[in-house]
Each structure stands twice: as structure tokens, then as C-alpha cells.
């Protein structure tokens, strides 16, 4: 049978009130602390975190909702967030939204019902209505990577429009004019990256051609199908910006299955320097996000809200990016 707090009381001769105070983070006399810790170790006493959470109105659990747990980006995000939360003694409860707004809304309600202390969301939705149950329950929310368009929440990510602009500008500097983009038109990052693509093309005085903009979700399938369509075009583009890591994977797969090669026939630049981007040949040009820093800032901001240290209006924190050079862009003469 597991040891109880009463067993600790009998072992130490201290009152239940003193032991409870210590277990809940209160200050006790140094000699009492030594007695309690020795008894806990000898009895293998384990604190009932659920009961303690009910008493303190804190669970020490943070809910994390991602758009698609199969995504390589989501996996890396969860790794860094979990690692950061552990530093502060918090656990993590993960929910997968499956790129489905209805599932996302249900996940949010689930986390609220579990009394999590805070919620980190990589959203599917462009609108923030699904977050209202958390607001109503006074549970802090921080968005990561993607913002929402109609509500004001803390958010940490990158300036997606500028990042895409710079990627297209690199292609322009390599004398490409027939430039296409494959990105999401239903997710915040994709929408902003398409804006950056269009702005770069306009500033270069180039036509924005509808047939050169391929959209869908940020998935491998979108990258694959979009690239197949571009390669089959009578007026094939010479370069393509791929809107995220999964889209890049799909795009490269389509090129590898075709009669064309990269960068001889088509130049490519994508987002996120994750595992495969360092293994394939030719190596990819990618816009590299500071993912570990993004996750660190996200956790820092959320815990500040949880501990009531941060009472300022919602914060938008956009971190810088850099372009990691590779071999997937050919300079045109």
C-alpha cells in the first residue's frame, strides 16, 4: 500500500498542517524540512498531484494543440516546448487538430475541461472564435507560429511576409523571372507567405500569374500535386517557392519522379531546416526559423501569464529568419 501523509506525520511527529504546508511549497523550519524529506524518502511517499492541484487551483499542466501531429514541424515544436516546460516543473498534454477546425474547437474545450494552467496553440483556424472557452475560463493562451485574424492573442513566430519576400528576392537576384509559389491559402503562415511572394514580384515589376500560385493545406500532398501541375505547364516556371517543410518534401518528390531535375531545370527554395533537408541532394535552400528560440519565448510568455507576472496587452513577437544556402538554386544567364 502506498504511503500517506499520515504515515509521514507518524514518522516525523510533526502535524499534518506543517507537512501539508511543506508539500504545497510553503516555508517550514529548516529542521522540520529535514525530517519531512527524510521520511518521504524512507517511505517512498508520492505526492498526489491531482489533489494538490485542486487545493492550489493549479495542475502544473500546459495543453499544447498542434495543427497536425504528423507534420515534421509539429514534432520539432513539441520537442522544444516540452523540453522548456520541464525546466519549470510543468507537464504537457498534447492534442492533434488533424488540420480540422471542428476537431480543433473540441480539443480546446477538452483542455479547458481538464483545468490546464495554460494553452499553447499552433492553430488551424484563421479566426479566433474557437478560443473563447479558454478566455471565459481565464486560462492564458499563447499562439505559436500562426496568429488569428480577428482576435488579439499573445503570439510568437516569424515575420512570414518578410521571410517569403526575401526568399523570392534571392531567386530574382539569380535572374529568375518565372517564379511560382506553392503554399496554403487557409492557414495564417501560408497566407502571409503568399503576400510576401506577391510583394516581391510587384516590386520587381513582374506579372503575378494566377497559374503560378498553387494553394491548399501546408501538406506533402499539396506540394506534390502543385509541383506536378507546374512542371506540366506549357510555360513552366524556372523557380518555385515552397510554403513550408511538408510542402517542400512533396514538391521535391514530384520533381524526382519527373523528367526534370533540380536545379538544372527548376530551382527550389523552401522553409525550415529539418532532418531531411540536410540529407537530400541537391541540398536545399531554405528559410530557417529559430524554432528553439520561438518555443522558449512562447513558454516564457505563457508562464508569465500563468503566474500573473505579465498583465500587459497581448504581445506579438516576431523573430528574425535567415536563408540557409544549399544547391537547389541555379543562377540563370
Protein backbone atom coordinates (compact mmCIF):
# COMPACT_ATOMS: atom_id res chain seq x y z
CA UNK A 1 0.00 0.00 0.00
CA UNK A 2 1.26 3.48 -0.84
CA UNK A 3 2.43 5.70 1.98
CA UNK A 4 0.10 8.50 3.04
CA UNK A 5 0.65 11.92 4.55
CA UNK A 6 -0.46 10.45 7.88
CA UNK A 7 2.43 7.97 7.63
CA UNK A 8 4.79 10.92 7.16
CA UNK A 9 3.17 12.52 10.24
CA UNK A 10 3.72 9.40 12.34
CA UNK A 11 7.32 9.11 11.14
CA UNK A 12 8.25 12.72 11.87
CA UNK A 13 6.00 13.55 14.81
CA UNK A 14 5.00 16.77 13.02
CA UNK A 15 1.46 17.99 12.44
CA UNK A 16 -0.42 17.33 9.23
CA UNK A 17 -0.68 21.12 8.77
CA UNK A 18 3.12 21.50 8.79
CA UNK A 19 3.61 18.61 6.37
CA UNK A 20 0.90 19.91 4.06
CA UNK A 21 2.43 23.38 4.12
CA UNK A 22 5.79 21.96 3.06
CA UNK A 23 4.31 19.78 0.30
CA UNK A 24 2.45 22.78 -1.12
CA UNK A 25 5.58 24.90 -1.34
CA UNK A 26 5.25 26.80 1.94
CA UNK A 27 8.09 27.72 4.29
CA UNK A 28 8.71 25.48 7.30
CA UNK A 29 11.50 25.41 9.87
CA UNK A 30 14.78 24.01 8.46
CA UNK A 31 14.83 21.15 10.96
CA UNK A 32 11.25 20.22 10.02
CA UNK A 33 12.16 20.27 6.33
CA UNK A 34 14.99 17.78 7.00
CA UNK A 35 12.63 15.46 8.93
CA UNK A 36 9.92 15.58 6.23
CA UNK A 37 12.32 14.96 3.35
CA UNK A 38 13.94 12.04 5.16
CA UNK A 39 10.52 10.47 5.87
CA UNK A 40 9.38 10.96 2.28
CA UNK A 41 12.50 9.20 1.02
CA UNK A 42 12.26 6.32 3.51
CA UNK A 43 8.52 5.77 2.96
CA UNK A 44 8.67 6.32 -0.84
CA UNK A 45 5.85 8.79 -0.35
CA UNK A 46 4.48 10.22 -3.59
CA UNK A 47 2.63 13.50 -3.69
CA UNK A 48 -0.91 13.29 -5.08
CA UNK A 49 -0.52 15.95 -7.75
CA UNK A 50 -4.22 15.89 -8.66
CA UNK A 51 -5.28 16.57 -5.10
CA UNK A 52 -2.62 19.22 -4.69
CA UNK A 53 -3.77 20.84 -7.92
CA UNK A 54 -7.33 21.04 -6.63
CA UNK A 55 -6.15 22.70 -3.42
CA UNK A 56 -3.86 25.20 -5.17
CA UNK A 57 -6.10 25.59 -8.24
CA UNK A 58 -3.10 24.66 -10.40
CA UNK A 59 -2.42 21.44 -12.27
CA UNK A 60 1.13 22.24 -13.47
CA UNK A 61 -0.02 21.02 -16.88
CA UNK A 62 0.05 23.03 -20.11
CA UNK A 63 -2.10 21.97 -23.06
CA UNK A 64 -0.44 22.13 -26.48
CA UNK A 65 -2.57 21.95 -29.62
CA UNK A 66 -0.87 21.40 -32.98
CA UNK A 67 -2.41 21.56 -36.43
CA UNK A 68 -1.16 18.12 -37.48
CA UNK A 69 0.97 15.83 -35.34
CA UNK A 70 2.24 14.01 -38.46
CA UNK A 71 3.96 17.22 -39.55
CA UNK A 72 7.72 17.28 -39.01
CA UNK A 73 7.42 20.89 -37.91
CA UNK A 74 4.87 19.97 -35.21
CA UNK A 75 7.12 17.24 -33.86
CA UNK A 76 10.07 19.61 -33.51
CA UNK A 77 7.84 22.23 -31.93
CA UNK A 78 6.52 19.76 -29.34
CA UNK A 79 10.07 18.64 -28.55
CA UNK A 80 11.27 22.15 -27.77
CA UNK A 81 8.11 23.18 -25.89
CA UNK A 82 8.16 20.03 -23.75
CA UNK A 83 11.86 20.49 -23.01
CA UNK A 84 11.29 24.11 -21.95
CA UNK A 85 8.25 23.35 -19.79
CA UNK A 86 10.13 20.63 -17.91
CA UNK A 87 12.62 23.24 -16.72
CA UNK A 88 9.81 24.84 -14.75
CA UNK A 89 8.20 21.63 -13.48
CA UNK A 90 5.28 21.66 -15.93
CA UNK A 91 3.86 18.66 -17.77
CA UNK A 92 2.42 18.72 -21.29
CA UNK A 93 -0.92 17.49 -22.64
CA UNK A 94 -0.86 17.20 -26.43
CA UNK A 95 -3.88 17.48 -28.75
CA UNK A 96 -3.79 16.90 -32.52
CA UNK A 97 -6.25 19.02 -34.52
CA UNK A 98 -5.82 16.90 -37.68
CA UNK A 99 -6.00 20.06 -39.83
CA UNK A 100 -9.70 20.17 -38.94
CA UNK A 101 -11.32 23.28 -37.43
CA UNK A 102 -14.09 21.26 -35.76
CA UNK A 103 -11.56 18.94 -34.10
CA UNK A 104 -9.55 21.98 -33.05
CA UNK A 105 -12.58 23.51 -31.30
CA UNK A 106 -13.28 20.22 -29.50
CA UNK A 107 -9.64 19.94 -28.42
CA UNK A 108 -9.79 23.40 -26.91
CA UNK A 109 -12.89 22.52 -24.91
CA UNK A 110 -11.23 19.27 -23.77
CA UNK A 111 -8.19 21.11 -22.43
CA UNK A 112 -10.37 23.65 -20.63
CA UNK A 113 -12.33 20.80 -19.02
CA UNK A 114 -9.05 19.29 -17.80
CA UNK A 115 -8.24 22.52 -15.94
CA UNK A 116 -4.86 23.01 -17.60
CA UNK A 117 -2.96 26.06 -16.39
CA UNK A 118 -2.37 27.43 -19.87
CA UNK A 119 -2.69 26.54 -23.54
CA UNK A 120 -0.23 26.85 -26.45
CA UNK A 121 -1.85 26.64 -29.89
CA UNK A 122 -0.48 26.16 -33.39
CA UNK A 123 -3.88 26.94 -34.95
CA UNK A 124 -5.67 25.57 -37.97
CA UNK A 125 -8.29 28.34 -37.97
CA UNK A 126 -7.75 31.85 -39.27
CA UNK A 127 -10.47 33.04 -36.87
CA UNK A 128 -10.16 33.03 -33.08
CA UNK A 129 -13.72 32.15 -32.03
CA UNK A 130 -12.70 28.60 -31.04
CA UNK A 131 -10.52 30.07 -28.24
CA UNK A 132 -13.44 31.69 -26.38
CA UNK A 133 -13.92 28.83 -23.84
CA UNK A 134 -10.34 29.40 -22.64
CA UNK A 135 -10.89 33.15 -22.36
CA UNK A 136 -14.12 32.57 -20.44
CA UNK A 137 -12.30 30.25 -18.02
CA UNK A 138 -9.39 32.73 -17.59
CA UNK A 139 -6.90 30.23 -19.00
CA UNK A 140 -3.98 32.03 -20.70
CA UNK A 141 -3.45 31.24 -24.38
CA UNK A 142 -0.34 31.84 -26.48
CA UNK A 143 -0.36 31.18 -30.22
CA UNK A 144 2.83 29.86 -31.79
CA UNK A 145 3.93 30.15 -35.44
CA UNK A 146 0.46 31.30 -36.56
CA UNK A 147 -1.76 34.17 -35.48
CA UNK A 148 -5.50 34.61 -35.99
CA UNK A 149 -7.01 37.48 -37.95
CA UNK A 150 -9.95 38.66 -35.86
CA UNK A 151 -8.86 38.31 -32.22
CA UNK A 152 -5.94 39.65 -30.20
CA UNK A 153 -3.87 36.94 -28.50
CA UNK A 154 -0.24 36.60 -27.50
CA UNK A 155 1.66 35.14 -30.44
CA UNK A 156 5.28 34.15 -31.09
CA UNK A 157 6.56 33.37 -34.58
CA UNK A 158 8.37 34.94 -37.51
CA UNK A 159 7.53 37.74 -39.93
CA UNK A 160 6.26 35.36 -42.62
CA UNK A 161 5.63 38.03 -45.24
CA UNK A 162 9.18 39.41 -44.98
CA UNK A 163 10.70 35.91 -44.90
CA UNK A 164 8.92 34.93 -48.13
CA UNK A 165 9.80 38.29 -49.73
CA UNK A 166 13.50 37.67 -49.08
CA UNK A 167 13.28 34.12 -50.45
CA UNK A 168 11.74 35.37 -53.71
CA UNK A 169 14.24 38.24 -53.81
CA UNK A 170 17.06 35.67 -53.77
CA UNK A 171 15.51 33.96 -56.78
CA UNK A 172 15.22 37.34 -58.54
CA UNK A 173 18.88 38.09 -57.84
CA UNK A 174 19.68 34.81 -59.59
CA UNK A 175 17.87 36.19 -62.66
CA UNK A 176 14.68 34.16 -62.30
CA UNK A 177 11.54 35.90 -63.52
CA UNK A 178 9.14 33.00 -63.99
CA UNK A 179 8.69 32.26 -60.29
CA UNK A 180 5.84 30.20 -58.81
CA UNK A 181 4.70 29.55 -55.24
CA UNK A 182 3.06 26.57 -53.56
CA UNK A 183 1.57 27.48 -50.17
CA UNK A 184 -1.52 27.34 -48.01
CA UNK A 185 -4.31 29.82 -48.59
CA UNK A 186 -6.27 28.75 -45.49
CA UNK A 187 -3.57 28.98 -42.78
CA UNK A 188 -2.02 32.15 -41.40
CA UNK A 189 1.59 31.36 -42.32
CA UNK A 190 0.71 30.38 -45.87
CA UNK A 191 -1.48 33.44 -46.45
CA UNK A 192 1.31 35.73 -45.22
CA UNK A 193 3.95 33.95 -47.30
CA UNK A 194 1.86 34.30 -50.45
CA UNK A 195 1.60 38.03 -49.66
CA UNK A 196 5.39 38.20 -49.41
CA UNK A 197 5.77 36.40 -52.74
CA UNK A 198 3.35 38.77 -54.44
CA UNK A 199 5.01 41.85 -52.95
CA UNK A 200 8.46 40.76 -54.19
CA UNK A 201 7.09 40.13 -57.68
CA UNK A 202 5.33 43.50 -57.77
CA UNK A 203 8.43 45.37 -56.63
CA UNK A 204 10.43 43.64 -59.37
CA UNK A 205 7.83 44.81 -61.92
CA UNK A 206 6.84 41.24 -62.77
CA UNK A 207 3.39 39.89 -63.51
CA UNK A 208 1.71 37.82 -60.80
CA UNK A 209 0.38 34.90 -62.78
CA UNK A 210 -2.58 33.03 -61.34
CA UNK A 211 -1.41 29.72 -62.81
CA UNK A 212 1.85 30.10 -60.89
CA UNK A 213 0.13 30.19 -57.48
CA UNK A 214 -0.78 26.71 -56.23
CA UNK A 215 -2.66 26.52 -52.96
CA UNK A 216 -4.10 24.04 -50.46
CA UNK A 217 -3.13 22.99 -46.96
CA UNK A 218 0.53 23.02 -45.91
CA UNK A 219 0.93 19.30 -46.58
CA UNK A 220 3.13 16.94 -48.57
CA UNK A 221 0.16 16.28 -50.86
CA UNK A 222 -0.25 19.98 -51.68
CA UNK A 223 3.44 20.27 -52.53
CA UNK A 224 3.37 17.13 -54.67
CA UNK A 225 0.23 17.94 -56.65
CA UNK A 226 1.13 21.63 -57.04
CA UNK A 227 4.59 20.82 -58.37
CA UNK A 228 3.23 18.24 -60.82
CA UNK A 229 0.88 20.88 -62.24
CA UNK A 230 3.69 23.46 -62.52
CA UNK A 231 6.03 21.01 -64.25
CA UNK A 232 3.28 20.11 -66.73
CA UNK A 233 2.60 23.77 -67.56
CA UNK A 234 3.20 24.82 -71.19
CA UNK A 235 5.12 27.80 -69.81
CA UNK A 236 6.93 26.07 -66.96
CA UNK A 237 8.34 28.31 -64.19
CA UNK A 238 12.10 28.30 -63.67
CA UNK A 239 11.85 28.57 -59.87
CA UNK A 240 9.38 27.75 -57.09
CA UNK A 241 8.97 28.97 -53.52
CA UNK A 242 7.53 26.17 -51.36
CA UNK A 243 5.50 27.40 -48.41
CA UNK A 244 6.70 25.09 -45.63
CA UNK A 245 8.72 21.96 -44.91
CA UNK A 246 5.98 19.43 -45.74
CA UNK A 247 5.16 21.26 -48.97
CA UNK A 248 8.86 21.21 -49.84
CA UNK A 249 9.00 17.45 -49.32
CA UNK A 250 6.06 16.95 -51.65
CA UNK A 251 7.48 19.30 -54.25
CA UNK A 252 10.87 17.61 -54.29
CA UNK A 253 9.20 14.19 -54.58
CA UNK A 254 7.29 15.38 -57.65
CA UNK A 255 10.48 16.71 -59.26
CA UNK A 256 12.30 13.44 -58.56
CA UNK A 257 9.51 11.49 -60.27
CA UNK A 258 9.55 13.73 -63.34
CA UNK A 259 11.88 14.08 -66.29
CA UNK A 260 13.20 17.31 -64.82
CA UNK A 261 15.96 17.85 -62.30
CA UNK A 262 16.80 20.42 -59.64
CA UNK A 263 18.45 22.88 -60.05
CA UNK A 264 19.20 22.35 -63.76
CA UNK A 265 15.56 22.57 -64.86
CA UNK A 266 13.86 24.06 -61.82
CA UNK A 267 15.20 25.95 -58.81
CA UNK A 268 13.62 25.47 -55.39
CA UNK A 269 13.61 27.28 -52.06
CA UNK A 270 11.53 26.28 -49.05
CA UNK A 271 11.08 26.76 -45.33
CA UNK A 272 12.56 25.06 -42.26
CA UNK A 273 15.87 23.28 -41.92
CA UNK A 274 14.69 19.95 -40.51
CA UNK A 275 16.15 16.46 -40.82
CA UNK A 276 15.61 15.52 -44.47
CA UNK A 277 16.71 18.92 -45.83
CA UNK A 278 20.25 18.09 -44.73
CA UNK A 279 20.29 14.60 -46.23
CA UNK A 280 18.97 15.04 -49.78
CA UNK A 281 20.97 16.03 -52.84
CA UNK A 282 20.99 18.67 -54.06
CA UNK A 283 20.89 20.27 -50.62
CA UNK A 284 18.03 22.72 -50.21
CA UNK A 285 18.00 26.45 -49.92
CA UNK A 286 15.63 27.11 -47.01
CA UNK A 287 14.34 29.94 -44.87
CA UNK A 288 15.49 28.87 -41.43
CA UNK A 289 13.33 29.73 -38.42
CA UNK A 290 14.82 29.94 -34.88
CA UNK A 291 12.49 27.20 -33.65
CA UNK A 292 14.11 26.64 -30.27
CA UNK A 293 14.03 30.37 -29.53
CA UNK A 294 10.41 30.62 -30.69
CA UNK A 295 9.40 27.83 -28.31
CA UNK A 296 11.42 29.31 -25.46
CA UNK A 297 9.76 32.71 -25.87
CA UNK A 298 6.35 31.04 -26.15
CA UNK A 299 6.77 29.17 -22.85
CA UNK A 300 8.24 32.25 -21.15
CA UNK A 301 5.28 34.36 -22.22
CA UNK A 302 2.71 31.75 -21.20
CA UNK A 303 4.23 31.12 -17.77
CA UNK A 304 4.35 34.86 -17.20
CA UNK A 305 0.60 34.99 -17.82
CA UNK A 306 0.00 31.94 -15.60
CA UNK A 307 1.96 33.42 -12.73
CA UNK A 308 0.26 36.79 -13.26
CA UNK A 309 3.62 38.40 -13.84
CA UNK A 310 2.52 39.64 -17.26
CA UNK A 311 -0.56 41.86 -17.26
CA UNK A 312 0.17 43.92 -20.35
CA UNK A 313 -1.98 43.76 -23.52
CA UNK A 314 -1.40 40.82 -25.91
CA UNK A 315 2.13 40.61 -27.29
CA UNK A 316 3.07 39.90 -30.90
CA UNK A 317 6.67 38.68 -31.01
CA UNK A 318 8.11 38.19 -34.49
CA UNK A 319 11.63 36.75 -34.58
CA UNK A 320 14.09 37.02 -37.45
CA UNK A 321 14.97 34.34 -40.01
CA UNK A 322 17.97 33.57 -42.17
CA UNK A 323 18.35 31.85 -45.51
CA UNK A 324 20.41 28.69 -45.28
CA UNK A 325 22.30 28.20 -48.52
CA UNK A 326 22.19 24.99 -50.48
CA UNK A 327 22.47 23.77 -54.07
CA UNK A 328 18.84 23.90 -55.16
CA UNK A 329 19.01 27.30 -56.91
CA UNK A 330 20.69 27.79 -60.29
CA UNK A 331 21.73 31.21 -61.50
CA UNK A 332 20.28 31.95 -64.94
CA UNK A 333 22.47 33.67 -67.50
